[in-house]
Amino acid sequence: MTIIKHTLTGLTLAALLLALAGCSNASRPPEEWLNLSIAGLAGTDQYAFSGQTTVSTAEGWSYAPLTFKGHIEEHTKLHAKNEDGEELQWSPIELLEKVKNADKQVSIDNAVSTADTVALHIQLNDEEANKLWKEQLQEEMNKLASNAPLEDGAYKNAWMKELNESRKKMDNMLKSLQVKSQYDVLIDRNSLIPLKLTEHSTFQYSLSGKDKQEKRDTSVTFDSFDGTGTVQ
């Protein structure tokens, strides 16, 4: 009887501890879930990611999705390429860090969350979204400029002319740019690592005297954490 009693007590205590742990998870503020997931990903030695970006316009044009994939080694070493095999400098952890530090509203999407996952919905402040996207577009233009042909000649002159015209158009666009950005992050409750990140951004701007609107949707899936295989 004593053995049975002790066993029942142990089982009851274990169940109680599990219940308390579940309550602790449930009571975490949404922003804490986000911060913990970013820290968990940053602390992961290696992982892979893949995804795609689709851009569409108000006129009904939709560009073919740009697909990409990559992996991180030793926490920070980035290896990423697009579908054409071109190397990319974009890293999802950098995007998550920017979102973490931005002025935003974070909430838990209970309709999507499960017993194993927490789904976060993040809405950036409009001014913050404008700032982040202006910085990103300028960074992309600067990266493009860094690939200018080295050899002087007609080709380089034509390339530089096209670059300068594109930069001028972008600078004019940025003056009127208004952005709305929201993100959804799916987090594993146990590992506290993000499994999926989606971004939805809408751009409104004026170009050559005409009002334009574009929509950008990006979806990123994370897996192969620390080389342990694919996480579905």
C-alpha atoms as a PDB file:
ATOM      1  CA  MET A   1       0.000   0.000   0.000  1.00  0.00           C
ATOM      2  CA  THR A   2       2.840   2.368   0.822  1.00  0.00           C
ATOM      3  CA  ILE A   3       4.472   1.749  -2.567  1.00  0.00           C
ATOM      4  CA  ILE A   4       1.161   2.295  -4.367  1.00  0.00           C
ATOM      5  CA  LYS A   5       0.517   5.464  -2.387  1.00  0.00           C
ATOM      6  CA  HIS A   6       3.968   6.865  -3.185  1.00  0.00           C
ATOM      7  CA  THR A   7       3.534   5.985  -6.867  1.00  0.00           C
ATOM      8  CA  LEU A   8       0.168   7.720  -7.029  1.00  0.00           C
ATOM      9  CA  THR A   9       1.638  10.739  -5.262  1.00  0.00           C
ATOM     10  CA  GLY A  10       4.510  10.862  -7.753  1.00  0.00           C
ATOM     11  CA  LEU A  11       2.155  10.628 -10.703  1.00  0.00           C
ATOM     12  CA  THR A  12      -0.088  13.292  -9.265  1.00  0.00           C
ATOM     13  CA  LEU A  13       2.876  15.595  -8.689  1.00  0.00           C
ATOM     14  CA  ALA A  14       4.144  15.028 -12.245  1.00  0.00           C
ATOM     15  CA  ALA A  15       0.715  15.800 -13.667  1.00  0.00           C
ATOM     16  CA  LEU A  16       0.501  18.910 -11.517  1.00  0.00           C
ATOM     17  CA  LEU A  17       3.903  20.135 -12.702  1.00  0.00           C
ATOM     18  CA  LEU A  18       2.908  19.573 -16.329  1.00  0.00           C
ATOM     19  CA  ALA A  19      -0.322  21.463 -15.762  1.00  0.00           C
ATOM     20  CA  LEU A  20       1.542  24.344 -14.161  1.00  0.00           C
ATOM     21  CA  ALA A  21       3.992  24.432 -17.068  1.00  0.00           C
ATOM     22  CA  GLY A  22       1.062  24.585 -19.461  1.00  0.00           C
ATOM     23  CA  CYS A  23      -0.468  27.453 -17.501  1.00  0.00           C
ATOM     24  CA  SER A  24       2.877  29.263 -17.571  1.00  0.00           C
ATOM     25  CA  ASN A  25       3.003  28.946 -21.378  1.00  0.00           C
ATOM     26  CA  ALA A  26      -0.556  30.108 -21.768  1.00  0.00           C
ATOM     27  CA  SER A  27      -0.026  33.157 -19.580  1.00  0.00           C
ATOM     28  CA  ARG A  28       2.985  34.494 -21.474  1.00  0.00           C
ATOM     29  CA  PRO A  29       2.322  37.899 -23.063  1.00  0.00           C
ATOM     30  CA  PRO A  30       2.350  37.826 -26.888  1.00  0.00           C
ATOM     31  CA  GLU A  31       5.478  39.992 -27.110  1.00  0.00           C
ATOM     32  CA  GLU A  32       7.328  37.628 -24.777  1.00  0.00           C
ATOM     33  CA  TRP A  33       6.509  34.724 -27.087  1.00  0.00           C
ATOM     34  CA  LEU A  34       7.978  36.724 -29.969  1.00  0.00           C
ATOM     35  CA  ASN A  35      11.141  37.674 -28.093  1.00  0.00           C
ATOM     36  CA  LEU A  36      11.711  34.128 -26.854  1.00  0.00           C
ATOM     37  CA  SER A  37      11.258  32.673 -30.336  1.00  0.00           C
ATOM     38  CA  ILE A  38      13.763  35.094 -31.856  1.00  0.00           C
ATOM     39  CA  ALA A  39      16.256  34.333 -29.091  1.00  0.00           C
ATOM     40  CA  GLY A  40      15.667  30.619 -29.639  1.00  0.00           C
ATOM     41  CA  LEU A  41      16.348  30.918 -33.365  1.00  0.00           C
ATOM     42  CA  ALA A  42      19.431  33.092 -32.805  1.00  0.00           C
ATOM     43  CA  GLY A  43      20.718  30.504 -30.343  1.00  0.00           C
ATOM     44  CA  THR A  44      20.290  27.639 -32.811  1.00  0.00           C
ATOM     45  CA  ASP A  45      23.626  26.611 -34.290  1.00  0.00           C
ATOM     46  CA  GLN A  46      22.210  25.706 -37.689  1.00  0.00           C
ATOM     47  CA  TYR A  47      18.864  25.640 -39.449  1.00  0.00           C
ATOM     48  CA  ALA A  48      17.419  25.824 -42.941  1.00  0.00           C
ATOM     49  CA  PHE A  49      14.733  28.028 -44.425  1.00  0.00           C
ATOM     50  CA  SER A  50      12.833  28.263 -47.683  1.00  0.00           C
ATOM     51  CA  GLY A  51      10.069  30.417 -49.041  1.00  0.00           C
ATOM     52  CA  GLN A  52       8.701  32.652 -51.719  1.00  0.00           C
ATOM     53  CA  THR A  53       7.699  36.254 -52.362  1.00  0.00           C
ATOM     54  CA  THR A  54       4.818  37.334 -54.580  1.00  0.00           C
ATOM     55  CA  VAL A  55       4.236  40.914 -55.752  1.00  0.00           C
ATOM     56  CA  SER A  56       0.911  42.026 -57.225  1.00  0.00           C
ATOM     57  CA  THR A  57      -0.524  45.387 -58.307  1.00  0.00           C
ATOM     58  CA  ALA A  58      -3.899  47.072 -58.000  1.00  0.00           C
ATOM     59  CA  GLU A  59      -4.253  46.771 -61.792  1.00  0.00           C
ATOM     60  CA  GLY A  60      -4.334  42.992 -61.461  1.00  0.00           C
ATOM     61  CA  TRP A  61      -0.745  42.199 -62.419  1.00  0.00           C
ATOM     62  CA  SER A  62       0.881  39.449 -60.383  1.00  0.00           C
ATOM     63  CA  TYR A  63       4.535  38.651 -60.872  1.00  0.00           C
ATOM     64  CA  ALA A  64       5.721  35.047 -60.758  1.00  0.00           C
ATOM     65  CA  PRO A  65       6.686  34.139 -57.186  1.00  0.00           C
ATOM     66  CA  LEU A  66      10.366  34.552 -56.356  1.00  0.00           C
ATOM     67  CA  THR A  67      11.464  31.416 -54.538  1.00  0.00           C
ATOM     68  CA  PHE A  68      14.507  31.167 -52.322  1.00  0.00           C
ATOM     69  CA  LYS A  69      16.191  28.861 -49.858  1.00  0.00           C
ATOM     70  CA  GLY A  70      19.142  28.942 -47.524  1.00  0.00           C
ATOM     71  CA  HIS A  71      20.658  27.837 -44.281  1.00  0.00           C
ATOM     72  CA  ILE A  72      22.510  29.265 -41.315  1.00  0.00           C
ATOM     73  CA  GLU A  73      25.705  27.748 -39.913  1.00  0.00           C
ATOM     74  CA  GLU A  74      27.430  28.606 -36.648  1.00  0.00           C
ATOM     75  CA  HIS A  75      24.536  30.891 -35.696  1.00  0.00           C
ATOM     76  CA  THR A  76      25.327  33.669 -38.187  1.00  0.00           C
ATOM     77  CA  LYS A  77      26.945  32.316 -41.369  1.00  0.00           C
ATOM     78  CA  LEU A  78      24.356  32.807 -44.108  1.00  0.00           C
ATOM     79  CA  HIS A  79      24.119  30.730 -47.291  1.00  0.00           C
ATOM     80  CA  ALA A  80      21.090  31.733 -49.365  1.00  0.00           C
ATOM     81  CA  LYS A  81      20.168  31.663 -53.043  1.00  0.00           C
ATOM     82  CA  ASN A  82      17.164  32.451 -55.183  1.00  0.00           C
ATOM     83  CA  GLU A  83      15.675  30.169 -57.819  1.00  0.00           C
ATOM     84  CA  ASP A  84      18.253  31.351 -60.370  1.00  0.00           C
ATOM     85  CA  GLY A  85      21.157  30.401 -58.125  1.00  0.00           C
ATOM     86  CA  GLU A  86      22.010  34.003 -57.301  1.00  0.00           C
ATOM     87  CA  GLU A  87      23.334  34.575 -53.801  1.00  0.00           C
ATOM     88  CA  LEU A  88      21.126  36.550 -51.429  1.00  0.00           C
ATOM     89  CA  GLN A  89      22.136  38.660 -48.455  1.00  0.00           C
ATOM     90  CA  TRP A  90      18.649  38.550 -46.955  1.00  0.00           C
ATOM     91  CA  SER A  91      18.241  36.620 -43.707  1.00  0.00           C
ATOM     92  CA  PRO A  92      14.911  35.906 -41.952  1.00  0.00           C
ATOM     93  CA  ILE A  93      16.497  36.365 -38.520  1.00  0.00           C
ATOM     94  CA  GLU A  94      17.422  39.932 -39.505  1.00  0.00           C
ATOM     95  CA  LEU A  95      13.809  40.592 -40.455  1.00  0.00           C
ATOM     96  CA  LEU A  96      12.578  39.138 -37.165  1.00  0.00           C
ATOM     97  CA  GLU A  97      15.034  41.310 -35.243  1.00  0.00           C
ATOM     98  CA  LYS A  98      13.758  44.414 -37.051  1.00  0.00           C
ATOM     99  CA  VAL A  99      10.171  43.434 -36.245  1.00  0.00           C
ATOM    100  CA  LYS A 100      11.139  42.807 -32.622  1.00  0.00           C
ATOM    101  CA  ASN A 101      12.594  46.314 -32.250  1.00  0.00           C
ATOM    102  CA  ALA A 102       9.810  48.074 -34.170  1.00  0.00           C
ATOM    103  CA  ASP A 103       6.813  49.950 -32.768  1.00  0.00           C
ATOM    104  CA  LYS A 104       4.037  47.371 -33.134  1.00  0.00           C
ATOM    105  CA  GLN A 105       1.033  45.566 -31.723  1.00  0.00           C
ATOM    106  CA  VAL A 106       1.426  41.831 -31.027  1.00  0.00           C
ATOM    107  CA  SER A 107      -1.479  39.472 -30.345  1.00  0.00           C
ATOM    108  CA  ILE A 108      -2.061  35.726 -30.116  1.00  0.00           C
ATOM    109  CA  ASP A 109      -4.243  34.268 -32.849  1.00  0.00           C
ATOM    110  CA  ASN A 110      -6.207  31.664 -30.903  1.00  0.00           C
ATOM    111  CA  ALA A 111      -7.977  30.460 -34.050  1.00  0.00           C
ATOM    112  CA  VAL A 112      -4.642  29.276 -35.495  1.00  0.00           C
ATOM    113  CA  SER A 113      -2.774  28.306 -32.310  1.00  0.00           C
ATOM    114  CA  THR A 114      -2.799  24.642 -31.295  1.00  0.00           C
ATOM    115  CA  ALA A 115      -1.690  22.543 -28.331  1.00  0.00           C
ATOM    116  CA  ASP A 116       1.782  22.404 -29.910  1.00  0.00           C
ATOM    117  CA  THR A 117       2.071  25.863 -31.458  1.00  0.00           C
ATOM    118  CA  VAL A 118       1.440  29.527 -30.738  1.00  0.00           C
ATOM    119  CA  ALA A 119       0.389  31.779 -33.604  1.00  0.00           C
ATOM    120  CA  LEU A 120       1.266  35.466 -33.291  1.00  0.00           C
ATOM    121  CA  HIS A 121      -0.154  38.314 -35.351  1.00  0.00           C
ATOM    122  CA  ILE A 122       1.978  41.464 -35.533  1.00  0.00           C
ATOM    123  CA  GLN A 123       0.834  44.816 -36.885  1.00  0.00           C
ATOM    124  CA  LEU A 124       3.535  47.442 -37.378  1.00  0.00           C
ATOM    125  CA  ASN A 125       2.883  51.090 -36.662  1.00  0.00           C
ATOM    126  CA  ASP A 126       2.464  52.785 -40.069  1.00  0.00           C
ATOM    127  CA  GLU A 127       5.317  55.230 -39.496  1.00  0.00           C
ATOM    128  CA  GLU A 128       7.566  52.371 -38.436  1.00  0.00           C
ATOM    129  CA  ALA A 129       6.597  50.344 -41.515  1.00  0.00           C
ATOM    130  CA  ASN A 130       7.424  53.340 -43.724  1.00  0.00           C
ATOM    131  CA  LYS A 131      10.798  53.753 -42.055  1.00  0.00           C
ATOM    132  CA  LEU A 132      11.764  50.067 -42.280  1.00  0.00           C
ATOM    133  CA  TRP A 133      10.792  49.742 -45.929  1.00  0.00           C
ATOM    134  CA  LYS A 134      12.492  52.957 -46.986  1.00  0.00           C
ATOM    135  CA  GLU A 135      15.680  51.730 -45.330  1.00  0.00           C
ATOM    136  CA  GLN A 136      15.364  48.317 -46.983  1.00  0.00           C
ATOM    137  CA  LEU A 137      14.753  49.737 -50.465  1.00  0.00           C
ATOM    138  CA  GLN A 138      17.724  52.079 -50.111  1.00  0.00           C
ATOM    139  CA  GLU A 139      19.905  49.181 -48.917  1.00  0.00           C
ATOM    140  CA  GLU A 140      18.843  47.114 -51.936  1.00  0.00           C
ATOM    141  CA  MET A 141      19.667  49.998 -54.275  1.00  0.00           C
ATOM    142  CA  ASN A 142      23.088  50.408 -52.655  1.00  0.00           C
ATOM    143  CA  LYS A 143      23.774  46.674 -53.027  1.00  0.00           C
ATOM    144  CA  LEU A 144      22.828  46.922 -56.686  1.00  0.00           C
ATOM    145  CA  ALA A 145      25.189  49.877 -57.127  1.00  0.00           C
ATOM    146  CA  SER A 146      28.030  47.886 -55.567  1.00  0.00           C
ATOM    147  CA  ASN A 147      27.764  45.427 -58.485  1.00  0.00           C
ATOM    148  CA  ALA A 148      28.629  48.060 -61.064  1.00  0.00           C
ATOM    149  CA  PRO A 149      30.942  46.870 -63.888  1.00  0.00           C
ATOM    150  CA  LEU A 150      34.601  47.466 -63.057  1.00  0.00           C
ATOM    151  CA  GLU A 151      35.869  48.059 -66.584  1.00  0.00           C
ATOM    152  CA  ASP A 152      35.301  51.526 -68.047  1.00  0.00           C
ATOM    153  CA  GLY A 153      33.578  51.682 -71.395  1.00  0.00           C
ATOM    154  CA  ALA A 154      30.245  51.920 -73.177  1.00  0.00           C
ATOM    155  CA  TYR A 155      28.683  49.074 -71.223  1.00  0.00           C
ATOM    156  CA  LYS A 156      29.578  50.578 -67.847  1.00  0.00           C
ATOM    157  CA  ASN A 157      28.334  54.013 -68.951  1.00  0.00           C
ATOM    158  CA  ALA A 158      24.975  52.543 -70.010  1.00  0.00           C
ATOM    159  CA  TRP A 159      24.764  50.516 -66.788  1.00  0.00           C
ATOM    160  CA  MET A 160      25.461  53.577 -64.629  1.00  0.00           C
ATOM    161  CA  LYS A 161      22.934  55.659 -66.570  1.00  0.00           C
ATOM    162  CA  GLU A 162      20.244  53.046 -65.964  1.00  0.00           C
ATOM    163  CA  LEU A 163      21.199  52.843 -62.277  1.00  0.00           C
ATOM    164  CA  ASN A 164      21.023  56.609 -61.794  1.00  0.00           C
ATOM    165  CA  GLU A 165      17.636  56.796 -63.506  1.00  0.00           C
ATOM    166  CA  SER A 166      16.347  53.974 -61.328  1.00  0.00           C
ATOM    167  CA  ARG A 167      17.691  55.632 -58.185  1.00  0.00           C
ATOM    168  CA  LYS A 168      16.027  58.914 -59.154  1.00  0.00           C
ATOM    169  CA  LYS A 169      12.680  57.158 -59.678  1.00  0.00           C
ATOM    170  CA  MET A 170      13.029  55.372 -56.349  1.00  0.00           C
ATOM    171  CA  ASP A 171      13.894  58.600 -54.491  1.00  0.00           C
ATOM    172  CA  ASN A 172      10.777  60.258 -55.943  1.00  0.00           C
ATOM    173  CA  MET A 173       8.677  57.239 -55.011  1.00  0.00           C
ATOM    174  CA  LEU A 174       9.993  57.221 -51.433  1.00  0.00           C
ATOM    175  CA  LYS A 175       8.792  60.793 -50.906  1.00  0.00           C
ATOM    176  CA  SER A 176       5.182  59.645 -51.206  1.00  0.00           C
ATOM    177  CA  LEU A 177       5.531  56.041 -50.008  1.00  0.00           C
ATOM    178  CA  GLN A 178       2.966  54.830 -47.471  1.00  0.00           C
ATOM    179  CA  VAL A 179       3.313  51.267 -46.160  1.00  0.00           C
ATOM    180  CA  LYS A 180       1.169  48.956 -44.076  1.00  0.00           C
ATOM    181  CA  SER A 181       2.910  45.795 -42.865  1.00  0.00           C
ATOM    182  CA  GLN A 182       1.759  42.855 -40.813  1.00  0.00           C
ATOM    183  CA  TYR A 183       3.418  39.590 -39.898  1.00  0.00           C
ATOM    184  CA  ASP A 184       2.335  36.182 -38.676  1.00  0.00           C
ATOM    185  CA  VAL A 185       4.735  33.950 -36.747  1.00  0.00           C
ATOM    186  CA  LEU A 186       4.037  30.315 -35.872  1.00  0.00           C
ATOM    187  CA  ILE A 187       6.071  29.166 -32.841  1.00  0.00           C
ATOM    188  CA  ASP A 188       6.723  25.709 -31.430  1.00  0.00           C
ATOM    189  CA  ARG A 189       5.542  25.786 -27.795  1.00  0.00           C
ATOM    190  CA  ASN A 190       8.210  23.378 -26.551  1.00  0.00           C
ATOM    191  CA  SER A 191      11.331  24.518 -28.387  1.00  0.00           C
ATOM    192  CA  LEU A 192      10.245  28.186 -28.575  1.00  0.00           C
ATOM    193  CA  ILE A 193      11.570  28.291 -32.146  1.00  0.00           C
ATOM    194  CA  PRO A 194       9.604  29.855 -35.018  1.00  0.00           C
ATOM    195  CA  LEU A 195       8.399  27.345 -37.590  1.00  0.00           C
ATOM    196  CA  LYS A 196       6.892  29.761 -40.086  1.00  0.00           C
ATOM    197  CA  LEU A 197       6.972  33.490 -40.828  1.00  0.00           C
ATOM    198  CA  THR A 198       4.661  35.315 -43.235  1.00  0.00           C
ATOM    199  CA  GLU A 199       4.697  38.973 -44.201  1.00  0.00           C
ATOM    200  CA  HIS A 200       1.927  40.983 -45.861  1.00  0.00           C
ATOM    201  CA  SER A 201       2.777  44.525 -46.952  1.00  0.00           C
ATOM    202  CA  THR A 202       0.847  47.068 -49.011  1.00  0.00           C
ATOM    203  CA  PHE A 203       2.612  49.993 -50.704  1.00  0.00           C
ATOM    204  CA  GLN A 204       0.970  53.185 -51.933  1.00  0.00           C
ATOM    205  CA  TYR A 205       3.033  55.808 -53.762  1.00  0.00           C
ATOM    206  CA  SER A 206       3.075  58.276 -56.644  1.00  0.00           C
ATOM    207  CA  LEU A 207       5.240  57.754 -59.710  1.00  0.00           C
ATOM    208  CA  SER A 208       5.297  59.998 -62.790  1.00  0.00           C
ATOM    209  CA  GLY A 209       2.169  61.744 -61.544  1.00  0.00           C
ATOM    210  CA  LYS A 210       0.186  58.515 -61.132  1.00  0.00           C
ATOM    211  CA  ASP A 211      -0.937  56.878 -57.908  1.00  0.00           C
ATOM    212  CA  LYS A 212       0.252  53.286 -57.582  1.00  0.00           C
ATOM    213  CA  GLN A 213      -0.476  50.421 -55.209  1.00  0.00           C
ATOM    214  CA  GLU A 214       1.436  47.177 -54.793  1.00  0.00           C
ATOM    215  CA  LYS A 215       1.055  44.215 -52.492  1.00  0.00           C
ATOM    216  CA  ARG A 216       3.900  41.989 -51.343  1.00  0.00           C
ATOM    217  CA  ASP A 217       3.435  38.600 -49.661  1.00  0.00           C
ATOM    218  CA  THR A 218       6.359  36.576 -48.337  1.00  0.00           C
ATOM    219  CA  SER A 219       6.201  33.168 -46.666  1.00  0.00           C
ATOM    220  CA  VAL A 220       9.192  31.529 -44.958  1.00  0.00           C
ATOM    221  CA  THR A 221       9.346  28.037 -43.434  1.00  0.00           C
ATOM    222  CA  PHE A 222      12.109  27.006 -40.993  1.00  0.00           C
ATOM    223  CA  ASP A 223      13.354  23.440 -40.523  1.00  0.00           C
ATOM    224  CA  SER A 224      16.385  21.160 -39.982  1.00  0.00           C
ATOM    225  CA  PHE A 225      17.204  22.769 -36.649  1.00  0.00           C
ATOM    226  CA  ASP A 226      20.753  21.848 -35.551  1.00  0.00           C
ATOM    227  CA  GLY A 227      20.805  19.211 -38.277  1.00  0.00           C
ATOM    228  CA  THR A 228      18.178  17.037 -36.593  1.00  0.00           C
ATOM    229  CA  GLY A 229      16.003  16.715 -39.687  1.00  0.00           C
ATOM    230  CA  THR A 230      13.031  18.485 -41.135  1.00  0.00           C
ATOM    231  CA  VAL A 231      10.370  19.967 -38.895  1.00  0.00           C
ATOM    232  CA  GLN A 232       6.924  19.936 -40.498  1.00  0.00           C
END
